[in-house]
């Protein structure tokens, strides 16, 4: 994955130039299960439409929305908890409400707030809220009517979906299911970063940028141009 990120143009430190004290955190045994799953996952990945960062990311998004849609269709949302899903009862999972914008208030111009609770139950609630928030948004995409002000506000008419929204809905409704390898990698190894951002107006269905204020990469804090704006 590190190599794929470098090939896509993501600014990362090559492994051979990394602080030796940190290298052990990035090395995998040749027979590591996650490595085998990732290679099989790549084999299941749809072809990219181009070689830009956005084009390379799109197939991963398609698989992710397809996988989450299958979970929703089969009332298996607890699968987003990965290896921990068996620790929580069905009644607990069903009682967790869908997330809202209140879970991700607007961030300040110079920071995001990222909080992974130490309590496993709170972690589970974060992940389940975002899955259910996505499910609720899918219902909106099927009939995207938004409130409008003025004489043309009634009767309400659905708006056109954006290409990104069309991709989400197409993946969600795709027949069949991703392979078991895709399920295992996404559930057990791929981290859902959206859930733990307590100060960032984000959601799983948003085509969000890697910046908070649309001006700077916060990690480096320098100005960027339109051509440099990559979404993730």
C-alpha atoms as a PDB file:
ATOM      1  CA  UNK A   1       0.000   0.000   0.000  1.00  0.00           C
ATOM      2  CA  UNK A   2       2.913   2.307   0.775  1.00  0.00           C
ATOM      3  CA  UNK A   3       4.365   1.681  -2.686  1.00  0.00           C
ATOM      4  CA  UNK A   4       0.988   2.271  -4.338  1.00  0.00           C
ATOM      5  CA  UNK A   5       0.647   5.582  -2.496  1.00  0.00           C
ATOM      6  CA  UNK A   6       4.085   6.691  -3.699  1.00  0.00           C
ATOM      7  CA  UNK A   7       3.268   5.738  -7.284  1.00  0.00           C
ATOM      8  CA  UNK A   8       0.068   7.779  -7.020  1.00  0.00           C
ATOM      9  CA  UNK A   9       2.055  10.855  -6.018  1.00  0.00           C
ATOM     10  CA  UNK A  10       1.235  10.984  -2.314  1.00  0.00           C
ATOM     11  CA  UNK A  11       4.128  12.762  -0.513  1.00  0.00           C
ATOM     12  CA  UNK A  12       5.509  10.081   1.834  1.00  0.00           C
ATOM     13  CA  UNK A  13       8.944   9.235   3.172  1.00  0.00           C
ATOM     14  CA  UNK A  14      10.402   6.143   1.417  1.00  0.00           C
ATOM     15  CA  UNK A  15      10.969   3.228   3.757  1.00  0.00           C
ATOM     16  CA  UNK A  16      14.743   3.231   3.228  1.00  0.00           C
ATOM     17  CA  UNK A  17      14.899   6.910   4.261  1.00  0.00           C
ATOM     18  CA  UNK A  18      12.726   6.549   7.325  1.00  0.00           C
ATOM     19  CA  UNK A  19      14.042   6.864  10.865  1.00  0.00           C
ATOM     20  CA  UNK A  20      15.352   3.351  11.738  1.00  0.00           C
ATOM     21  CA  UNK A  21      13.417   3.506  15.001  1.00  0.00           C
ATOM     22  CA  UNK A  22      10.180   3.704  13.015  1.00  0.00           C
ATOM     23  CA  UNK A  23      10.894   1.171  10.279  1.00  0.00           C
ATOM     24  CA  UNK A  24       9.749  -1.822  12.314  1.00  0.00           C
ATOM     25  CA  UNK A  25       6.250  -0.327  12.398  1.00  0.00           C
ATOM     26  CA  UNK A  26       6.056  -0.540   8.599  1.00  0.00           C
ATOM     27  CA  UNK A  27       7.688  -3.890   7.929  1.00  0.00           C
ATOM     28  CA  UNK A  28       5.596  -6.987   7.332  1.00  0.00           C
ATOM     29  CA  UNK A  29       6.628 -10.603   7.362  1.00  0.00           C
ATOM     30  CA  UNK A  30       6.576 -12.125   3.887  1.00  0.00           C
ATOM     31  CA  UNK A  31       3.700 -14.382   4.954  1.00  0.00           C
ATOM     32  CA  UNK A  32       1.724 -11.718   6.850  1.00  0.00           C
ATOM     33  CA  UNK A  33      -2.019 -12.284   6.446  1.00  0.00           C
ATOM     34  CA  UNK A  34      -2.736  -8.626   5.718  1.00  0.00           C
ATOM     35  CA  UNK A  35      -0.221  -8.707   2.861  1.00  0.00           C
ATOM     36  CA  UNK A  36      -1.887 -11.722   1.294  1.00  0.00           C
ATOM     37  CA  UNK A  37      -5.318 -10.146   1.698  1.00  0.00           C
ATOM     38  CA  UNK A  38      -4.143  -6.887   0.154  1.00  0.00           C
ATOM     39  CA  UNK A  39      -2.683  -8.593  -2.905  1.00  0.00           C
ATOM     40  CA  UNK A  40      -5.925 -10.518  -3.421  1.00  0.00           C
ATOM     41  CA  UNK A  41      -7.877  -7.295  -2.840  1.00  0.00           C
ATOM     42  CA  UNK A  42      -5.926  -5.578  -5.621  1.00  0.00           C
ATOM     43  CA  UNK A  43      -6.825  -8.437  -7.944  1.00  0.00           C
ATOM     44  CA  UNK A  44     -10.519  -7.765  -7.233  1.00  0.00           C
ATOM     45  CA  UNK A  45     -10.187  -4.004  -7.727  1.00  0.00           C
ATOM     46  CA  UNK A  46     -11.975  -2.516 -10.779  1.00  0.00           C
ATOM     47  CA  UNK A  47      -9.739  -0.872 -13.358  1.00  0.00           C
ATOM     48  CA  UNK A  48      -8.997   2.819 -12.881  1.00  0.00           C
ATOM     49  CA  UNK A  49     -10.132   5.291 -15.530  1.00  0.00           C
ATOM     50  CA  UNK A  50      -6.815   7.157 -15.490  1.00  0.00           C
ATOM     51  CA  UNK A  51      -3.544   7.664 -13.647  1.00  0.00           C
ATOM     52  CA  UNK A  52      -4.438  10.737 -11.566  1.00  0.00           C
ATOM     53  CA  UNK A  53      -4.723  10.351  -7.805  1.00  0.00           C
ATOM     54  CA  UNK A  54      -8.496  10.840  -7.944  1.00  0.00           C
ATOM     55  CA  UNK A  55      -8.904   8.268 -10.731  1.00  0.00           C
ATOM     56  CA  UNK A  56      -6.804   5.750  -8.809  1.00  0.00           C
ATOM     57  CA  UNK A  57      -8.848   6.251  -5.634  1.00  0.00           C
ATOM     58  CA  UNK A  58     -12.244   5.810  -7.314  1.00  0.00           C
ATOM     59  CA  UNK A  59     -12.082   1.976  -7.682  1.00  0.00           C
ATOM     60  CA  UNK A  60     -11.338   1.679  -3.961  1.00  0.00           C
ATOM     61  CA  UNK A  61     -14.349   3.851  -3.184  1.00  0.00           C
ATOM     62  CA  UNK A  62     -16.536   1.716  -5.440  1.00  0.00           C
ATOM     63  CA  UNK A  63     -15.539  -1.455  -3.599  1.00  0.00           C
ATOM     64  CA  UNK A  64     -16.056   0.208  -0.222  1.00  0.00           C
ATOM     65  CA  UNK A  65     -19.574   1.414  -1.040  1.00  0.00           C
ATOM     66  CA  UNK A  66     -20.434  -1.945  -2.600  1.00  0.00           C
ATOM     67  CA  UNK A  67     -19.244  -3.732   0.536  1.00  0.00           C
ATOM     68  CA  UNK A  68     -21.140  -1.399   2.851  1.00  0.00           C
ATOM     69  CA  UNK A  69     -24.267  -1.786   0.728  1.00  0.00           C
ATOM     70  CA  UNK A  70     -24.113  -5.572   1.025  1.00  0.00           C
ATOM     71  CA  UNK A  71     -23.820  -5.225   4.812  1.00  0.00           C
ATOM     72  CA  UNK A  72     -26.887  -2.977   4.870  1.00  0.00           C
ATOM     73  CA  UNK A  73     -28.929  -5.262   2.586  1.00  0.00           C
ATOM     74  CA  UNK A  74     -28.198  -8.195   4.892  1.00  0.00           C
ATOM     75  CA  UNK A  75     -28.702  -6.363   8.194  1.00  0.00           C
ATOM     76  CA  UNK A  76     -25.049  -7.012   8.973  1.00  0.00           C
ATOM     77  CA  UNK A  77     -23.945  -3.485   9.849  1.00  0.00           C
ATOM     78  CA  UNK A  78     -22.053  -4.805  12.878  1.00  0.00           C
ATOM     79  CA  UNK A  79     -19.480  -6.177  10.420  1.00  0.00           C
ATOM     80  CA  UNK A  80     -17.993  -2.664  10.241  1.00  0.00           C
ATOM     81  CA  UNK A  81     -16.691  -3.384  13.748  1.00  0.00           C
ATOM     82  CA  UNK A  82     -14.275  -5.932  12.295  1.00  0.00           C
ATOM     83  CA  UNK A  83     -12.919  -8.488  14.722  1.00  0.00           C
ATOM     84  CA  UNK A  84     -14.785  -6.815  17.553  1.00  0.00           C
ATOM     85  CA  UNK A  85     -18.286  -7.256  16.171  1.00  0.00           C
ATOM     86  CA  UNK A  86     -18.859 -10.471  18.118  1.00  0.00           C
ATOM     87  CA  UNK A  87     -18.273  -8.593  21.372  1.00  0.00           C
ATOM     88  CA  UNK A  88     -21.485  -6.588  21.010  1.00  0.00           C
ATOM     89  CA  UNK A  89     -25.030  -7.883  21.118  1.00  0.00           C
ATOM     90  CA  UNK A  90     -27.484  -7.468  18.283  1.00  0.00           C
ATOM     91  CA  UNK A  91     -29.679  -5.293  20.495  1.00  0.00           C
ATOM     92  CA  UNK A  92     -26.731  -2.987  21.235  1.00  0.00           C
ATOM     93  CA  UNK A  93     -25.959  -2.534  17.542  1.00  0.00           C
ATOM     94  CA  UNK A  94     -29.586  -1.880  16.615  1.00  0.00           C
ATOM     95  CA  UNK A  95     -29.966   0.706  19.395  1.00  0.00           C
ATOM     96  CA  UNK A  96     -27.175   2.921  18.043  1.00  0.00           C
ATOM     97  CA  UNK A  97     -28.755   5.835  16.108  1.00  0.00           C
ATOM     98  CA  UNK A  98     -27.537   7.179  12.781  1.00  0.00           C
ATOM     99  CA  UNK A  99     -24.865   9.852  12.983  1.00  0.00           C
ATOM    100  CA  UNK A 100     -25.588  13.513  12.266  1.00  0.00           C
ATOM    101  CA  UNK A 101     -23.651  16.706  11.592  1.00  0.00           C
ATOM    102  CA  UNK A 102     -23.625  17.224  15.359  1.00  0.00           C
ATOM    103  CA  UNK A 103     -21.124  14.363  15.575  1.00  0.00           C
ATOM    104  CA  UNK A 104     -18.770  16.350  13.323  1.00  0.00           C
ATOM    105  CA  UNK A 105     -19.103  20.090  14.072  1.00  0.00           C
ATOM    106  CA  UNK A 106     -17.235  22.512  11.836  1.00  0.00           C
ATOM    107  CA  UNK A 107     -13.491  22.511  12.411  1.00  0.00           C
ATOM    108  CA  UNK A 108     -11.360  25.542  13.136  1.00  0.00           C
ATOM    109  CA  UNK A 109      -9.316  27.025  10.309  1.00  0.00           C
ATOM    110  CA  UNK A 110      -6.113  25.454  11.570  1.00  0.00           C
ATOM    111  CA  UNK A 111      -7.005  22.110  13.100  1.00  0.00           C
ATOM    112  CA  UNK A 112      -9.034  18.943  13.037  1.00  0.00           C
ATOM    113  CA  UNK A 113     -10.026  17.191  16.232  1.00  0.00           C
ATOM    114  CA  UNK A 114      -9.517  13.455  16.039  1.00  0.00           C
ATOM    115  CA  UNK A 115     -10.619  11.395  19.009  1.00  0.00           C
ATOM    116  CA  UNK A 116     -10.618   7.612  19.220  1.00  0.00           C
ATOM    117  CA  UNK A 117     -12.268   6.744  22.539  1.00  0.00           C
ATOM    118  CA  UNK A 118     -10.416   4.298  24.755  1.00  0.00           C
ATOM    119  CA  UNK A 119     -13.711   2.608  25.555  1.00  0.00           C
ATOM    120  CA  UNK A 120     -14.426  -0.108  22.965  1.00  0.00           C
ATOM    121  CA  UNK A 121     -18.166   0.430  23.282  1.00  0.00           C
ATOM    122  CA  UNK A 122     -17.793   4.094  22.337  1.00  0.00           C
ATOM    123  CA  UNK A 123     -15.575   3.128  19.396  1.00  0.00           C
ATOM    124  CA  UNK A 124     -18.268   0.727  18.227  1.00  0.00           C
ATOM    125  CA  UNK A 125     -20.925   3.433  18.493  1.00  0.00           C
ATOM    126  CA  UNK A 126     -18.830   5.789  16.360  1.00  0.00           C
ATOM    127  CA  UNK A 127     -18.435   3.211  13.591  1.00  0.00           C
ATOM    128  CA  UNK A 128     -22.079   2.118  13.648  1.00  0.00           C
ATOM    129  CA  UNK A 129     -23.352   5.715  13.619  1.00  0.00           C
ATOM    130  CA  UNK A 130     -21.433   6.451  10.428  1.00  0.00           C
ATOM    131  CA  UNK A 131     -22.619   3.282   8.677  1.00  0.00           C
ATOM    132  CA  UNK A 132     -26.222   4.123   9.561  1.00  0.00           C
ATOM    133  CA  UNK A 133     -25.714   7.718   8.486  1.00  0.00           C
ATOM    134  CA  UNK A 134     -24.584   6.439   5.095  1.00  0.00           C
ATOM    135  CA  UNK A 135     -27.655   4.178   4.840  1.00  0.00           C
ATOM    136  CA  UNK A 136     -29.920   7.128   5.565  1.00  0.00           C
ATOM    137  CA  UNK A 137     -28.156   9.193   2.904  1.00  0.00           C
ATOM    138  CA  UNK A 138     -28.667   6.431   0.334  1.00  0.00           C
ATOM    139  CA  UNK A 139     -32.406   6.860   0.883  1.00  0.00           C
ATOM    140  CA  UNK A 140     -31.998  10.557   0.098  1.00  0.00           C
ATOM    141  CA  UNK A 141     -30.032   9.815  -3.086  1.00  0.00           C
ATOM    142  CA  UNK A 142     -32.945   7.740  -4.376  1.00  0.00           C
ATOM    143  CA  UNK A 143     -35.146  10.839  -4.191  1.00  0.00           C
ATOM    144  CA  UNK A 144     -32.844  13.850  -3.724  1.00  0.00           C
ATOM    145  CA  UNK A 145     -35.326  16.554  -2.813  1.00  0.00           C
ATOM    146  CA  UNK A 146     -33.842  19.557  -1.009  1.00  0.00           C
ATOM    147  CA  UNK A 147     -35.583  22.507   0.586  1.00  0.00           C
ATOM    148  CA  UNK A 148     -35.684  25.638  -1.521  1.00  0.00           C
ATOM    149  CA  UNK A 149     -36.702  29.173  -0.697  1.00  0.00           C
ATOM    150  CA  UNK A 150     -38.886  31.230  -3.011  1.00  0.00           C
ATOM    151  CA  UNK A 151     -41.906  30.909  -5.299  1.00  0.00           C
ATOM    152  CA  UNK A 152     -40.441  27.856  -7.036  1.00  0.00           C
ATOM    153  CA  UNK A 153     -40.102  25.909  -3.790  1.00  0.00           C
ATOM    154  CA  UNK A 154     -43.331  23.930  -4.279  1.00  0.00           C
ATOM    155  CA  UNK A 155     -43.889  21.294  -5.376  1.00  0.00           C
ATOM    156  CA  UNK A 156     -40.407  20.094  -4.412  1.00  0.00           C
ATOM    157  CA  UNK A 157     -38.529  18.505  -7.279  1.00  0.00           C
ATOM    158  CA  UNK A 158     -35.597  16.121  -6.959  1.00  0.00           C
ATOM    159  CA  UNK A 159     -32.288  17.515  -8.117  1.00  0.00           C
ATOM    160  CA  UNK A 160     -29.863  15.725 -10.412  1.00  0.00           C
ATOM    161  CA  UNK A 161     -27.245  13.523  -8.804  1.00  0.00           C
ATOM    162  CA  UNK A 162     -23.597  14.441  -9.158  1.00  0.00           C
ATOM    163  CA  UNK A 163     -21.299  11.916 -10.885  1.00  0.00           C
ATOM    164  CA  UNK A 164     -19.855  11.020  -7.476  1.00  0.00           C
ATOM    165  CA  UNK A 165     -23.339  10.404  -6.061  1.00  0.00           C
ATOM    166  CA  UNK A 166     -24.203   8.278  -9.086  1.00  0.00           C
ATOM    167  CA  UNK A 167     -21.100   6.200  -8.390  1.00  0.00           C
ATOM    168  CA  UNK A 168     -22.153   5.688  -4.759  1.00  0.00           C
ATOM    169  CA  UNK A 169     -25.647   4.558  -5.706  1.00  0.00           C
ATOM    170  CA  UNK A 170     -24.397   2.314  -8.505  1.00  0.00           C
ATOM    171  CA  UNK A 171     -21.924   0.602  -6.177  1.00  0.00           C
ATOM    172  CA  UNK A 172     -24.516   0.295  -3.398  1.00  0.00           C
ATOM    173  CA  UNK A 173     -26.985  -1.429  -5.717  1.00  0.00           C
ATOM    174  CA  UNK A 174     -24.443  -3.595  -7.532  1.00  0.00           C
ATOM    175  CA  UNK A 175     -25.564  -7.249  -7.763  1.00  0.00           C
ATOM    176  CA  UNK A 176     -23.779  -9.980  -5.880  1.00  0.00           C
ATOM    177  CA  UNK A 177     -21.181  -9.205  -3.257  1.00  0.00           C
ATOM    178  CA  UNK A 178     -17.458  -8.474  -3.071  1.00  0.00           C
ATOM    179  CA  UNK A 179     -15.241 -11.485  -2.504  1.00  0.00           C
ATOM    180  CA  UNK A 180     -14.542 -12.763   0.999  1.00  0.00           C
ATOM    181  CA  UNK A 181     -11.053 -11.300   0.690  1.00  0.00           C
ATOM    182  CA  UNK A 182     -12.481  -7.805   0.192  1.00  0.00           C
ATOM    183  CA  UNK A 183     -14.782  -8.263   3.173  1.00  0.00           C
ATOM    184  CA  UNK A 184     -11.955  -9.455   5.414  1.00  0.00           C
ATOM    185  CA  UNK A 185      -9.565  -6.667   4.442  1.00  0.00           C
ATOM    186  CA  UNK A 186     -12.109  -3.852   4.734  1.00  0.00           C
ATOM    187  CA  UNK A 187     -13.642  -5.098   7.978  1.00  0.00           C
ATOM    188  CA  UNK A 188     -10.515  -6.179   9.805  1.00  0.00           C
ATOM    189  CA  UNK A 189      -7.698  -3.983   8.531  1.00  0.00           C
ATOM    190  CA  UNK A 190      -8.984  -0.806   6.850  1.00  0.00           C
ATOM    191  CA  UNK A 191      -9.521   1.975   9.366  1.00  0.00           C
ATOM    192  CA  UNK A 192     -12.647   4.134   9.058  1.00  0.00           C
ATOM    193  CA  UNK A 193     -11.124   7.541   9.794  1.00  0.00           C
ATOM    194  CA  UNK A 194     -14.380   9.471   9.403  1.00  0.00           C
ATOM    195  CA  UNK A 195     -15.964   8.073  12.553  1.00  0.00           C
ATOM    196  CA  UNK A 196     -13.332   9.437  14.931  1.00  0.00           C
ATOM    197  CA  UNK A 197     -13.198  12.993  13.586  1.00  0.00           C
ATOM    198  CA  UNK A 198     -15.183  14.875  16.222  1.00  0.00           C
ATOM    199  CA  UNK A 199     -14.423  18.260  14.674  1.00  0.00           C
ATOM    200  CA  UNK A 200     -14.725  18.043  10.909  1.00  0.00           C
ATOM    201  CA  UNK A 201     -18.007  18.212   8.946  1.00  0.00           C
ATOM    202  CA  UNK A 202     -17.440  14.948   7.116  1.00  0.00           C
ATOM    203  CA  UNK A 203     -19.391  11.824   6.249  1.00  0.00           C
ATOM    204  CA  UNK A 204     -18.647   8.565   4.472  1.00  0.00           C
ATOM    205  CA  UNK A 205     -20.591   9.715   1.415  1.00  0.00           C
ATOM    206  CA  UNK A 206     -18.805  13.056   1.000  1.00  0.00           C
ATOM    207  CA  UNK A 207     -16.072  13.570  -1.555  1.00  0.00           C
ATOM    208  CA  UNK A 208     -13.939  15.182   1.096  1.00  0.00           C
ATOM    209  CA  UNK A 209     -10.592  16.903   0.652  1.00  0.00           C
ATOM    210  CA  UNK A 210      -7.420  16.311   2.583  1.00  0.00           C
ATOM    211  CA  UNK A 211      -7.563  19.861   3.914  1.00  0.00           C
ATOM    212  CA  UNK A 212      -9.865  21.499   6.443  1.00  0.00           C
ATOM    213  CA  UNK A 213     -10.006  25.067   5.129  1.00  0.00           C
ATOM    214  CA  UNK A 214      -9.463  24.296   1.399  1.00  0.00           C
ATOM    215  CA  UNK A 215      -6.288  26.400   1.490  1.00  0.00           C
ATOM    216  CA  UNK A 216      -3.522  24.437   3.173  1.00  0.00           C
ATOM    217  CA  UNK A 217      -2.265  20.956   3.728  1.00  0.00           C
ATOM    218  CA  UNK A 218      -2.398  21.056   7.503  1.00  0.00           C
ATOM    219  CA  UNK A 219       0.542  18.692   7.925  1.00  0.00           C
ATOM    220  CA  UNK A 220       2.872  21.136   6.157  1.00  0.00           C
ATOM    221  CA  UNK A 221       0.875  24.358   6.530  1.00  0.00           C
ATOM    222  CA  UNK A 222       1.762  25.855   3.161  1.00  0.00           C
ATOM    223  CA  UNK A 223      -0.447  27.283   0.438  1.00  0.00           C
ATOM    224  CA  UNK A 224      -1.550  25.078  -2.450  1.00  0.00           C
ATOM    225  CA  UNK A 225      -2.961  25.761  -5.863  1.00  0.00           C
ATOM    226  CA  UNK A 226      -6.054  24.405  -7.569  1.00  0.00           C
ATOM    227  CA  UNK A 227      -3.992  21.790  -9.450  1.00  0.00           C
ATOM    228  CA  UNK A 228      -2.661  20.437  -6.163  1.00  0.00           C
ATOM    229  CA  UNK A 229      -6.028  19.847  -4.515  1.00  0.00           C
ATOM    230  CA  UNK A 230      -6.437  16.093  -4.210  1.00  0.00           C
ATOM    231  CA  UNK A 231      -9.462  14.473  -2.652  1.00  0.00           C
ATOM    232  CA  UNK A 232      -9.305  11.324  -0.594  1.00  0.00           C
END
